[in-house]
Amino acid sequence: MTPPRPPDIHPCQQCGACCAFFRVSFYWAEAADLPPELVEKISPHLSCMSGSNQARPRCRALSGEVGGPVSCGVYAQRPSTCRDVQAGDEQCAKARAGHGLPRLSPAEPSCVNLPA
């Protein structure tokens, strides 16, 4: 069972499931603001976050253990694919289920408002 989250900690800072469940692919031009060692080229038009294009994906920018305190090393520069996932949405629920974590309430705050 997941311990209760302190009220001042955003749910994404106690999760990281999406960062270790999906391939984080995006249009190659978005990589310009990211450290080159964190970007993997997939095709002439697509790149992905390093580590996320594996059978067991885990973005190399993720620090910490899934389901516990986590952070993103490039949060302010993260690609649109990361920005699109919101706490409690279907993508979030799928990633959390894949790690055996319970679904978040739709009332949870949005990841868009997560402090950098």
C-alpha atoms as a PDB file:
ATOM      1  CA  MET A   1       0.000   0.000   0.000  1.00  0.00           C
ATOM      2  CA  THR A   2       1.249   3.466  -0.897  1.00  0.00           C
ATOM      3  CA  PRO A   3       1.786   5.691   2.164  1.00  0.00           C
ATOM      4  CA  PRO A   4      -0.268   8.889   2.258  1.00  0.00           C
ATOM      5  CA  ARG A   5       1.291  11.857   0.511  1.00  0.00           C
ATOM      6  CA  PRO A   6       2.035  14.952   2.598  1.00  0.00           C
ATOM      7  CA  PRO A   7      -0.342  17.727   1.458  1.00  0.00           C
ATOM      8  CA  ASP A   8       2.468  20.086   0.383  1.00  0.00           C
ATOM      9  CA  ILE A   9       4.048  17.567  -2.030  1.00  0.00           C
ATOM     10  CA  HIS A  10       2.701  17.400  -5.579  1.00  0.00           C
ATOM     11  CA  PRO A  11       1.623  13.842  -6.553  1.00  0.00           C
ATOM     12  CA  CYS A  12       4.077  13.766  -9.474  1.00  0.00           C
ATOM     13  CA  GLN A  13       6.953  14.255  -6.997  1.00  0.00           C
ATOM     14  CA  GLN A  14       5.890  10.989  -5.316  1.00  0.00           C
ATOM     15  CA  CYS A  15       5.355   8.953  -8.479  1.00  0.00           C
ATOM     16  CA  GLY A  16       7.506   9.022 -11.640  1.00  0.00           C
ATOM     17  CA  ALA A  17       5.491   6.166 -13.174  1.00  0.00           C
ATOM     18  CA  CYS A  18       4.985   7.928 -16.510  1.00  0.00           C
ATOM     19  CA  CYS A  19       8.755   8.488 -16.790  1.00  0.00           C
ATOM     20  CA  ALA A  20       9.357   4.755 -16.404  1.00  0.00           C
ATOM     21  CA  PHE A  21       6.496   3.337 -18.467  1.00  0.00           C
ATOM     22  CA  PHE A  22       6.249   5.113 -21.844  1.00  0.00           C
ATOM     23  CA  ARG A  23       8.662   5.915 -24.637  1.00  0.00           C
ATOM     24  CA  VAL A  24       8.965   9.698 -24.432  1.00  0.00           C
ATOM     25  CA  SER A  25       9.142  10.572 -28.126  1.00  0.00           C
ATOM     26  CA  PHE A  26       8.841  14.052 -29.608  1.00  0.00           C
ATOM     27  CA  TYR A  27       9.597  16.168 -32.687  1.00  0.00           C
ATOM     28  CA  TRP A  28      13.376  16.399 -33.074  1.00  0.00           C
ATOM     29  CA  ALA A  29      13.496  20.223 -32.777  1.00  0.00           C
ATOM     30  CA  GLU A  30      12.332  20.008 -29.150  1.00  0.00           C
ATOM     31  CA  ALA A  31      15.681  18.415 -28.315  1.00  0.00           C
ATOM     32  CA  ALA A  32      17.510  21.726 -28.800  1.00  0.00           C
ATOM     33  CA  ASP A  33      16.992  22.705 -25.144  1.00  0.00           C
ATOM     34  CA  LEU A  34      17.909  19.284 -23.742  1.00  0.00           C
ATOM     35  CA  PRO A  35      21.351  17.935 -22.872  1.00  0.00           C
ATOM     36  CA  PRO A  36      22.468  15.794 -25.858  1.00  0.00           C
ATOM     37  CA  GLU A  37      23.215  12.806 -23.618  1.00  0.00           C
ATOM     38  CA  LEU A  38      19.524  12.676 -22.665  1.00  0.00           C
ATOM     39  CA  VAL A  39      18.251  12.532 -26.263  1.00  0.00           C
ATOM     40  CA  GLU A  40      18.127   9.533 -28.589  1.00  0.00           C
ATOM     41  CA  LYS A  41      17.373   9.898 -32.303  1.00  0.00           C
ATOM     42  CA  ILE A  42      14.573   7.587 -33.507  1.00  0.00           C
ATOM     43  CA  SER A  43      14.113   8.830 -37.082  1.00  0.00           C
ATOM     44  CA  PRO A  44      14.904  11.958 -39.105  1.00  0.00           C
ATOM     45  CA  HIS A  45      11.907  13.668 -37.494  1.00  0.00           C
ATOM     46  CA  LEU A  46      11.580  12.005 -34.076  1.00  0.00           C
ATOM     47  CA  SER A  47      13.737  11.835 -30.972  1.00  0.00           C
ATOM     48  CA  CYS A  48      13.078  10.395 -27.548  1.00  0.00           C
ATOM     49  CA  MET A  49      14.391  10.785 -24.035  1.00  0.00           C
ATOM     50  CA  SER A  50      17.319   8.421 -23.432  1.00  0.00           C
ATOM     51  CA  GLY A  51      16.328   5.309 -21.570  1.00  0.00           C
ATOM     52  CA  SER A  52      12.685   5.503 -22.581  1.00  0.00           C
ATOM     53  CA  ASN A  53      13.112   3.512 -25.823  1.00  0.00           C
ATOM     54  CA  GLN A  54      13.711   0.211 -24.032  1.00  0.00           C
ATOM     55  CA  ALA A  55      11.626  -2.880 -23.318  1.00  0.00           C
ATOM     56  CA  ARG A  56      11.536  -1.613 -19.712  1.00  0.00           C
ATOM     57  CA  PRO A  57      11.583   2.160 -20.239  1.00  0.00           C
ATOM     58  CA  ARG A  58      12.979   4.605 -17.725  1.00  0.00           C
ATOM     59  CA  CYS A  59      13.866   8.134 -18.710  1.00  0.00           C
ATOM     60  CA  ARG A  60      17.449   8.964 -17.740  1.00  0.00           C
ATOM     61  CA  ALA A  61      16.319  12.393 -16.500  1.00  0.00           C
ATOM     62  CA  LEU A  62      14.262  10.732 -13.727  1.00  0.00           C
ATOM     63  CA  SER A  63      15.895  10.671 -10.287  1.00  0.00           C
ATOM     64  CA  GLY A  64      14.540   8.581  -7.431  1.00  0.00           C
ATOM     65  CA  GLU A  65      12.439   5.441  -7.231  1.00  0.00           C
ATOM     66  CA  VAL A  66       9.041   5.102  -8.919  1.00  0.00           C
ATOM     67  CA  GLY A  67       6.336   5.425  -6.277  1.00  0.00           C
ATOM     68  CA  GLY A  68       8.611   7.390  -3.959  1.00  0.00           C
ATOM     69  CA  PRO A  69      10.268  10.799  -3.973  1.00  0.00           C
ATOM     70  CA  VAL A  70      11.270  11.585  -7.575  1.00  0.00           C
ATOM     71  CA  SER A  71      12.338  14.543  -9.670  1.00  0.00           C
ATOM     72  CA  CYS A  72      13.052  15.363 -13.289  1.00  0.00           C
ATOM     73  CA  GLY A  73      16.514  16.666 -14.104  1.00  0.00           C
ATOM     74  CA  VAL A  74      15.170  18.657 -17.076  1.00  0.00           C
ATOM     75  CA  TYR A  75      11.714  19.583 -15.791  1.00  0.00           C
ATOM     76  CA  ALA A  76      11.759  23.164 -17.122  1.00  0.00           C
ATOM     77  CA  GLN A  77      12.948  21.959 -20.556  1.00  0.00           C
ATOM     78  CA  ARG A  78      10.912  18.727 -20.718  1.00  0.00           C
ATOM     79  CA  PRO A  79       9.379  17.947 -24.124  1.00  0.00           C
ATOM     80  CA  SER A  80       5.707  18.371 -25.014  1.00  0.00           C
ATOM     81  CA  THR A  81       5.071  14.645 -24.549  1.00  0.00           C
ATOM     82  CA  CYS A  82       5.905  15.029 -20.856  1.00  0.00           C
ATOM     83  CA  ARG A  83       3.894  18.239 -20.548  1.00  0.00           C
ATOM     84  CA  ASP A  84       0.829  16.508 -21.995  1.00  0.00           C
ATOM     85  CA  VAL A  85       0.561  13.916 -19.190  1.00  0.00           C
ATOM     86  CA  GLN A  86      -1.486  15.270 -16.288  1.00  0.00           C
ATOM     87  CA  ALA A  87      -1.827  13.884 -12.782  1.00  0.00           C
ATOM     88  CA  GLY A  88      -4.863  11.592 -12.763  1.00  0.00           C
ATOM     89  CA  ASP A  89      -5.445  11.467 -16.550  1.00  0.00           C
ATOM     90  CA  GLU A  90      -5.668   8.213 -18.538  1.00  0.00           C
ATOM     91  CA  GLN A  91      -1.944   8.145 -19.386  1.00  0.00           C
ATOM     92  CA  CYS A  92      -1.120   8.687 -15.713  1.00  0.00           C
ATOM     93  CA  ALA A  93      -3.535   5.927 -14.681  1.00  0.00           C
ATOM     94  CA  LYS A  94      -2.053   3.482 -17.211  1.00  0.00           C
ATOM     95  CA  ALA A  95       1.522   4.174 -16.070  1.00  0.00           C
ATOM     96  CA  ARG A  96       0.607   3.948 -12.387  1.00  0.00           C
ATOM     97  CA  ALA A  97      -1.248   0.670 -12.937  1.00  0.00           C
ATOM     98  CA  GLY A  98       1.812  -0.688 -14.753  1.00  0.00           C
ATOM     99  CA  HIS A  99       3.830  -0.059 -11.583  1.00  0.00           C
ATOM    100  CA  GLY A 100       1.147  -1.371  -9.213  1.00  0.00           C
ATOM    101  CA  LEU A 101       0.261   2.109  -7.954  1.00  0.00           C
ATOM    102  CA  PRO A 102      -3.348   3.201  -7.325  1.00  0.00           C
ATOM    103  CA  ARG A 103      -5.064   5.645  -9.653  1.00  0.00           C
ATOM    104  CA  LEU A 104      -4.921   9.307  -8.596  1.00  0.00           C
ATOM    105  CA  SER A 105      -8.084  11.221  -7.916  1.00  0.00           C
ATOM    106  CA  PRO A 106      -9.146  13.580 -10.723  1.00  0.00           C
ATOM    107  CA  ALA A 107      -9.004  16.317  -8.062  1.00  0.00           C
ATOM    108  CA  GLU A 108      -5.197  16.020  -7.830  1.00  0.00           C
ATOM    109  CA  PRO A 109      -3.338  19.155  -8.986  1.00  0.00           C
ATOM    110  CA  SER A 110      -2.058  19.326 -12.544  1.00  0.00           C
ATOM    111  CA  CYS A 111       1.590  18.553 -13.300  1.00  0.00           C
ATOM    112  CA  VAL A 112       1.662  21.807 -15.271  1.00  0.00           C
ATOM    113  CA  ASN A 113       1.738  23.629 -11.931  1.00  0.00           C
ATOM    114  CA  LEU A 114       4.543  21.525 -10.459  1.00  0.00           C
ATOM    115  CA  PRO A 115       7.375  23.767  -9.233  1.00  0.00           C
ATOM    116  CA  ALA A 116      10.568  23.379 -11.261  1.00  0.00           C
END
